[in-house]
Amino acid sequence: MIIDCDGTLVDSMPAHFEAWCEALALHGAGGIFKEDVFFAMGGRPTRDIVVELNDEYNLRLDPEKVAFAKREAFLKRISTVTLID
């Protein structure tokens, strides 16, 4: 069973946004992911978002590599995730 607790039990969105920014910067695409776009894409699979960013910005990012980097960057920030009261 998979449980999505973001937005119900915990607020991990700030950590996810920072992780996205780091992962994209590592792959030469820093600064393209604005916070409003990030929130509009919330909940979608990472690889799908990379494909959309490639189309939108005429990039050639490898979805698997960016997804791996994003996951690693998020895990570094896991301690910043807070409970929702």
N, C-alpha and C. Protein backbone atom coordinates (compact mmCIF):
# COMPACT_ATOMS: atom_id res chain seq x y z
N MET A 1 0.83 -1.16 0.00
CA MET A 1 0.00 0.00 0.00
C MET A 1 0.89 1.24 0.00
N ILE A 2 0.53 2.20 -0.82
CA ILE A 2 1.25 3.48 -0.89
C ILE A 2 0.34 4.56 -0.32
N ILE A 3 0.88 5.34 0.59
CA ILE A 3 0.10 6.41 1.21
C ILE A 3 0.76 7.74 0.89
N ASP A 4 0.01 8.64 0.29
CA ASP A 4 0.49 9.99 0.01
C ASP A 4 0.06 10.89 1.16
N CYS A 5 1.00 11.25 2.01
CA CYS A 5 0.66 12.05 3.20
C CYS A 5 1.02 13.52 3.04
N ASP A 6 1.57 13.90 1.88
CA ASP A 6 1.94 15.30 1.70
C ASP A 6 0.69 16.15 1.55
N GLY A 7 0.62 17.17 2.35
CA GLY A 7 -0.53 18.05 2.31
C GLY A 7 -1.63 17.64 3.28
N THR A 8 -1.53 16.43 3.82
CA THR A 8 -2.51 15.98 4.81
C THR A 8 -1.87 15.81 6.17
N LEU A 9 -0.74 15.12 6.21
CA LEU A 9 -0.03 14.90 7.47
C LEU A 9 1.26 15.70 7.57
N VAL A 10 1.93 15.89 6.44
CA VAL A 10 3.20 16.62 6.44
C VAL A 10 3.23 17.64 5.31
N ASP A 11 4.07 18.65 5.50
CA ASP A 11 4.30 19.65 4.45
C ASP A 11 5.72 19.46 3.92
N SER A 12 5.82 18.71 2.85
CA SER A 12 7.13 18.45 2.27
C SER A 12 7.38 19.26 1.00
N MET A 13 6.41 20.08 0.61
CA MET A 13 6.55 20.81 -0.64
C MET A 13 7.76 21.74 -0.68
N PRO A 14 8.09 22.47 0.38
CA PRO A 14 9.30 23.30 0.31
C PRO A 14 10.55 22.46 0.06
N ALA A 15 10.65 21.30 0.70
CA ALA A 15 11.81 20.43 0.49
C ALA A 15 11.84 19.89 -0.93
N HIS A 16 10.67 19.56 -1.47
CA HIS A 16 10.60 19.08 -2.86
C HIS A 16 11.03 20.18 -3.83
N PHE A 17 10.57 21.41 -3.60
CA PHE A 17 10.94 22.51 -4.49
C PHE A 17 12.45 22.74 -4.48
N GLU A 18 13.04 22.77 -3.30
CA GLU A 18 14.49 22.95 -3.20
C GLU A 18 15.22 21.80 -3.88
N ALA A 19 14.70 20.59 -3.74
CA ALA A 19 15.32 19.43 -4.37
C ALA A 19 15.25 19.53 -5.89
N TRP A 20 14.11 19.98 -6.40
CA TRP A 20 13.98 20.19 -7.84
C TRP A 20 15.01 21.22 -8.32
N CYS A 21 15.11 22.31 -7.62
CA CYS A 21 16.06 23.36 -8.03
C CYS A 21 17.48 22.83 -8.07
N GLU A 22 17.86 22.06 -7.05
CA GLU A 22 19.21 21.48 -7.01
C GLU A 22 19.42 20.50 -8.15
N ALA A 23 18.47 19.61 -8.36
CA ALA A 23 18.62 18.59 -9.40
C ALA A 23 18.71 19.22 -10.79
N LEU A 24 17.88 20.20 -11.05
CA LEU A 24 17.93 20.86 -12.36
C LEU A 24 19.24 21.62 -12.54
N ALA A 25 19.71 22.28 -11.50
CA ALA A 25 20.98 23.00 -11.59
C ALA A 25 22.13 22.04 -11.87
N LEU A 26 22.10 20.87 -11.25
CA LEU A 26 23.15 19.88 -11.49
C LEU A 26 23.19 19.42 -12.94
N HIS A 27 22.07 19.56 -13.62
CA HIS A 27 21.98 19.13 -15.02
C HIS A 27 21.93 20.30 -15.99
N GLY A 28 22.40 21.47 -15.53
CA GLY A 28 22.53 22.62 -16.42
C GLY A 28 21.25 23.37 -16.70
N ALA A 29 20.22 23.15 -15.89
CA ALA A 29 18.95 23.81 -16.14
C ALA A 29 18.49 24.60 -14.91
N GLY A 30 19.43 25.15 -14.18
CA GLY A 30 19.09 25.91 -12.98
C GLY A 30 18.28 27.15 -13.32
N GLY A 31 17.34 27.47 -12.46
CA GLY A 31 16.56 28.69 -12.60
C GLY A 31 15.34 28.59 -13.49
N ILE A 32 15.12 27.44 -14.13
CA ILE A 32 13.97 27.36 -15.05
C ILE A 32 12.67 27.01 -14.34
N PHE A 33 12.77 26.37 -13.18
CA PHE A 33 11.57 25.87 -12.49
C PHE A 33 11.12 26.90 -11.47
N LYS A 34 10.13 27.68 -11.82
CA LYS A 34 9.59 28.70 -10.93
C LYS A 34 8.61 28.06 -9.95
N GLU A 35 8.48 28.67 -8.79
CA GLU A 35 7.66 28.08 -7.72
C GLU A 35 6.20 27.90 -8.13
N ASP A 36 5.63 28.83 -8.87
CA ASP A 36 4.23 28.68 -9.27
C ASP A 36 4.05 27.51 -10.23
N VAL A 37 5.02 27.30 -11.11
CA VAL A 37 4.97 26.15 -12.03
C VAL A 37 5.12 24.86 -11.23
N PHE A 38 6.04 24.86 -10.27
CA PHE A 38 6.23 23.70 -9.41
C PHE A 38 4.93 23.30 -8.72
N PHE A 39 4.25 24.26 -8.12
CA PHE A 39 3.01 23.93 -7.41
C PHE A 39 1.91 23.47 -8.37
N ALA A 40 1.90 24.02 -9.57
CA ALA A 40 0.90 23.58 -10.56
C ALA A 40 1.13 22.13 -10.99
N MET A 41 2.38 21.68 -10.92
CA MET A 41 2.72 20.31 -11.33
C MET A 41 2.76 19.35 -10.14
N GLY A 42 2.47 19.83 -8.95
CA GLY A 42 2.55 19.00 -7.75
C GLY A 42 1.76 17.71 -7.88
N GLY A 43 2.37 16.63 -7.41
CA GLY A 43 1.72 15.33 -7.42
C GLY A 43 1.98 14.50 -8.66
N ARG A 44 2.57 15.10 -9.66
CA ARG A 44 2.87 14.36 -10.89
C ARG A 44 4.20 13.64 -10.76
N PRO A 45 4.36 12.53 -11.49
CA PRO A 45 5.64 11.81 -11.44
C PRO A 45 6.80 12.68 -11.93
N THR A 46 7.92 12.55 -11.27
CA THR A 46 9.11 13.34 -11.59
C THR A 46 9.49 13.21 -13.05
N ARG A 47 9.52 12.00 -13.56
CA ARG A 47 9.93 11.79 -14.95
C ARG A 47 9.01 12.52 -15.92
N ASP A 48 7.71 12.51 -15.64
CA ASP A 48 6.76 13.22 -16.50
C ASP A 48 7.02 14.73 -16.49
N ILE A 49 7.37 15.25 -15.33
CA ILE A 49 7.67 16.68 -15.23
C ILE A 49 8.91 17.02 -16.04
N VAL A 50 9.92 16.16 -15.98
CA VAL A 50 11.15 16.40 -16.76
C VAL A 50 10.83 16.41 -18.25
N VAL A 51 10.01 15.47 -18.70
CA VAL A 51 9.62 15.44 -20.11
C VAL A 51 8.92 16.74 -20.50
N GLU A 52 8.03 17.22 -19.65
CA GLU A 52 7.34 18.48 -19.93
C GLU A 52 8.30 19.67 -19.94
N LEU A 53 9.24 19.69 -18.99
CA LEU A 53 10.24 20.77 -18.98
C LEU A 53 11.09 20.72 -20.25
N ASN A 54 11.44 19.52 -20.70
CA ASN A 54 12.20 19.38 -21.94
C ASN A 54 11.43 20.01 -23.10
N ASP A 55 10.14 19.71 -23.19
CA ASP A 55 9.31 20.25 -24.27
C ASP A 55 9.17 21.77 -24.15
N GLU A 56 8.90 22.23 -22.94
CA GLU A 56 8.65 23.66 -22.71
C GLU A 56 9.87 24.53 -22.97
N TYR A 57 11.05 24.04 -22.58
CA TYR A 57 12.27 24.85 -22.65
C TYR A 57 13.27 24.35 -23.69
N ASN A 58 12.84 23.43 -24.54
CA ASN A 58 13.69 22.88 -25.59
C ASN A 58 15.00 22.32 -25.01
N LEU A 59 14.85 21.50 -23.96
CA LEU A 59 15.98 20.88 -23.28
C LEU A 59 16.10 19.41 -23.67
N ARG A 60 17.19 18.80 -23.24
CA ARG A 60 17.41 17.37 -23.46
C ARG A 60 17.82 16.70 -22.15
N LEU A 61 17.12 17.02 -21.10
CA LEU A 61 17.42 16.42 -19.80
C LEU A 61 17.02 14.95 -19.81
N ASP A 62 17.84 14.12 -19.20
CA ASP A 62 17.53 12.70 -19.07
C ASP A 62 16.58 12.54 -17.88
N PRO A 63 15.33 12.13 -18.13
CA PRO A 63 14.36 12.01 -17.04
C PRO A 63 14.82 11.10 -15.90
N GLU A 64 15.49 10.01 -16.22
CA GLU A 64 15.95 9.09 -15.18
C GLU A 64 17.04 9.73 -14.31
N LYS A 65 17.98 10.39 -14.95
CA LYS A 65 19.08 11.02 -14.20
C LYS A 65 18.59 12.18 -13.34
N VAL A 66 17.70 12.98 -13.88
CA VAL A 66 17.17 14.10 -13.11
C VAL A 66 16.32 13.57 -11.95
N ALA A 67 15.53 12.54 -12.20
CA ALA A 67 14.70 11.95 -11.14
C ALA A 67 15.57 11.41 -10.01
N PHE A 68 16.68 10.76 -10.37
CA PHE A 68 17.59 10.23 -9.35
C PHE A 68 18.19 11.38 -8.54
N ALA A 69 18.65 12.42 -9.23
CA ALA A 69 19.25 13.57 -8.55
C ALA A 69 18.23 14.28 -7.66
N LYS A 70 17.00 14.37 -8.14
CA LYS A 70 15.95 15.02 -7.35
C LYS A 70 15.66 14.22 -6.09
N ARG A 71 15.59 12.90 -6.22
CA ARG A 71 15.34 12.05 -5.05
C ARG A 71 16.47 12.20 -4.02
N GLU A 72 17.71 12.17 -4.50
CA GLU A 72 18.85 12.32 -3.59
C GLU A 72 18.82 13.69 -2.90
N ALA A 73 18.50 14.72 -3.65
CA ALA A 73 18.43 16.07 -3.08
C ALA A 73 17.30 16.17 -2.05
N PHE A 74 16.18 15.52 -2.34
CA PHE A 74 15.07 15.53 -1.38
C PHE A 74 15.45 14.80 -0.10
N LEU A 75 16.09 13.65 -0.23
CA LEU A 75 16.46 12.87 0.95
C LEU A 75 17.41 13.65 1.86
N LYS A 76 18.25 14.51 1.27
CA LYS A 76 19.13 15.36 2.08
C LYS A 76 18.33 16.36 2.91
N ARG A 77 17.12 16.66 2.46
CA ARG A 77 16.29 17.67 3.12
C ARG A 77 15.15 17.07 3.95
N ILE A 78 15.11 15.77 4.06
CA ILE A 78 13.98 15.11 4.72
C ILE A 78 13.77 15.63 6.14
N SER A 79 14.83 16.04 6.80
CA SER A 79 14.69 16.53 8.18
C SER A 79 13.98 17.88 8.25
N THR A 80 13.80 18.55 7.11
CA THR A 80 13.11 19.84 7.10
C THR A 80 11.61 19.70 6.93
N VAL A 81 11.15 18.49 6.62
CA VAL A 81 9.72 18.24 6.43
C VAL A 81 9.02 18.37 7.79
N THR A 82 7.92 19.11 7.79
CA THR A 82 7.22 19.37 9.04
C THR A 82 5.82 18.76 9.04
N LEU A 83 5.34 18.46 10.23
CA LEU A 83 3.97 17.96 10.39
C LEU A 83 2.99 19.11 10.23
N ILE A 84 1.83 18.79 9.69
CA ILE A 84 0.76 19.77 9.59
C ILE A 84 -0.09 19.65 10.85
N ASP A 85 -0.34 20.78 11.49
CA ASP A 85 -1.16 20.77 12.73
C ASP A 85 -2.62 20.61 12.41
